């Protein structure tokens, strides 16, 4: 888990706007980001399986 200091560094405004990168609100991961949930794929799966995200269920066919 990232510390509060590293989160502040990650979410600081960049010198140039085009350098902005969407990051997970939980762990700060920059890749595999789902904009709708503001989470990375790892955290999305963890919270969805725990039932913390309403309306999201595991797919079964």
C-alpha atoms as a PDB file:
ATOM      1  CA  UNK A   1       0.000   0.000   0.000  1.00  0.00           C
ATOM      2  CA  UNK A   2       1.300   3.427  -0.881  1.00  0.00           C
ATOM      3  CA  UNK A   3       1.973   6.001   1.822  1.00  0.00           C
ATOM      4  CA  UNK A   4       0.199   9.355   2.077  1.00  0.00           C
ATOM      5  CA  UNK A   5       3.352  11.143   0.974  1.00  0.00           C
ATOM      6  CA  UNK A   6       3.639   9.145  -2.248  1.00  0.00           C
ATOM      7  CA  UNK A   7      -0.069   9.731  -2.998  1.00  0.00           C
ATOM      8  CA  UNK A   8       0.461  13.482  -2.701  1.00  0.00           C
ATOM      9  CA  UNK A   9       3.357  13.235  -5.133  1.00  0.00           C
ATOM     10  CA  UNK A  10       1.319  11.128  -7.591  1.00  0.00           C
ATOM     11  CA  UNK A  11      -1.705  13.422  -7.568  1.00  0.00           C
ATOM     12  CA  UNK A  12       0.223  16.694  -7.749  1.00  0.00           C
ATOM     13  CA  UNK A  13      -0.489  18.787 -10.819  1.00  0.00           C
ATOM     14  CA  UNK A  14       2.021  18.183 -13.618  1.00  0.00           C
ATOM     15  CA  UNK A  15       4.035  20.965 -15.211  1.00  0.00           C
ATOM     16  CA  UNK A  16       2.244  20.325 -18.526  1.00  0.00           C
ATOM     17  CA  UNK A  17      -1.437  19.323 -18.765  1.00  0.00           C
ATOM     18  CA  UNK A  18      -0.834  16.603 -21.372  1.00  0.00           C
ATOM     19  CA  UNK A  19       1.195  14.676 -18.788  1.00  0.00           C
ATOM     20  CA  UNK A  20      -1.927  14.059 -16.666  1.00  0.00           C
ATOM     21  CA  UNK A  21      -2.484  10.345 -16.012  1.00  0.00           C
ATOM     22  CA  UNK A  22      -5.630   8.775 -14.568  1.00  0.00           C
ATOM     23  CA  UNK A  23      -4.796   6.766 -11.458  1.00  0.00           C
ATOM     24  CA  UNK A  24      -6.656   4.347  -9.216  1.00  0.00           C
ATOM     25  CA  UNK A  25      -8.175   6.065  -6.156  1.00  0.00           C
ATOM     26  CA  UNK A  26      -7.245   3.122  -3.907  1.00  0.00           C
ATOM     27  CA  UNK A  27      -3.718   2.078  -4.860  1.00  0.00           C
ATOM     28  CA  UNK A  28      -2.533   4.754  -7.318  1.00  0.00           C
ATOM     29  CA  UNK A  29      -1.941   2.310 -10.175  1.00  0.00           C
ATOM     30  CA  UNK A  30      -1.729   4.151 -13.534  1.00  0.00           C
ATOM     31  CA  UNK A  31      -2.512   1.231 -15.859  1.00  0.00           C
ATOM     32  CA  UNK A  32      -5.664  -0.844 -16.306  1.00  0.00           C
ATOM     33  CA  UNK A  33      -7.831   2.110 -15.195  1.00  0.00           C
ATOM     34  CA  UNK A  34     -11.645   2.010 -15.413  1.00  0.00           C
ATOM     35  CA  UNK A  35     -12.891   5.583 -15.730  1.00  0.00           C
ATOM     36  CA  UNK A  36     -16.474   4.772 -14.672  1.00  0.00           C
ATOM     37  CA  UNK A  37     -15.341   3.442 -11.284  1.00  0.00           C
ATOM     38  CA  UNK A  38     -12.072   5.412 -10.927  1.00  0.00           C
ATOM     39  CA  UNK A  39     -10.369   2.117 -10.013  1.00  0.00           C
ATOM     40  CA  UNK A  40      -7.707  -0.089 -11.571  1.00  0.00           C
ATOM     41  CA  UNK A  41      -8.608  -3.581 -12.763  1.00  0.00           C
ATOM     42  CA  UNK A  42      -7.094  -5.216  -9.667  1.00  0.00           C
ATOM     43  CA  UNK A  43      -9.047  -3.099  -7.167  1.00  0.00           C
ATOM     44  CA  UNK A  44     -12.205  -3.289  -9.290  1.00  0.00           C
ATOM     45  CA  UNK A  45     -12.108  -7.089  -9.176  1.00  0.00           C
ATOM     46  CA  UNK A  46     -11.407  -7.111  -5.427  1.00  0.00           C
ATOM     47  CA  UNK A  47     -14.301  -4.767  -4.600  1.00  0.00           C
ATOM     48  CA  UNK A  48     -16.709  -6.355  -7.095  1.00  0.00           C
ATOM     49  CA  UNK A  49     -16.162  -9.850  -5.671  1.00  0.00           C
ATOM     50  CA  UNK A  50     -16.642  -8.486  -2.151  1.00  0.00           C
ATOM     51  CA  UNK A  51     -19.945  -6.897  -3.243  1.00  0.00           C
ATOM     52  CA  UNK A  52     -18.848  -3.339  -2.495  1.00  0.00           C
ATOM     53  CA  UNK A  53     -19.781  -1.992  -5.955  1.00  0.00           C
ATOM     54  CA  UNK A  54     -23.567  -2.012  -6.462  1.00  0.00           C
ATOM     55  CA  UNK A  55     -24.815  -3.492  -9.720  1.00  0.00           C
ATOM     56  CA  UNK A  56     -21.566  -5.293 -10.573  1.00  0.00           C
ATOM     57  CA  UNK A  57     -21.727  -9.087 -10.559  1.00  0.00           C
ATOM     58  CA  UNK A  58     -19.440 -11.860 -11.695  1.00  0.00           C
ATOM     59  CA  UNK A  59     -20.271 -12.975 -15.217  1.00  0.00           C
ATOM     60  CA  UNK A  60     -21.538 -16.513 -15.748  1.00  0.00           C
ATOM     61  CA  UNK A  61     -22.657 -18.133 -19.005  1.00  0.00           C
END
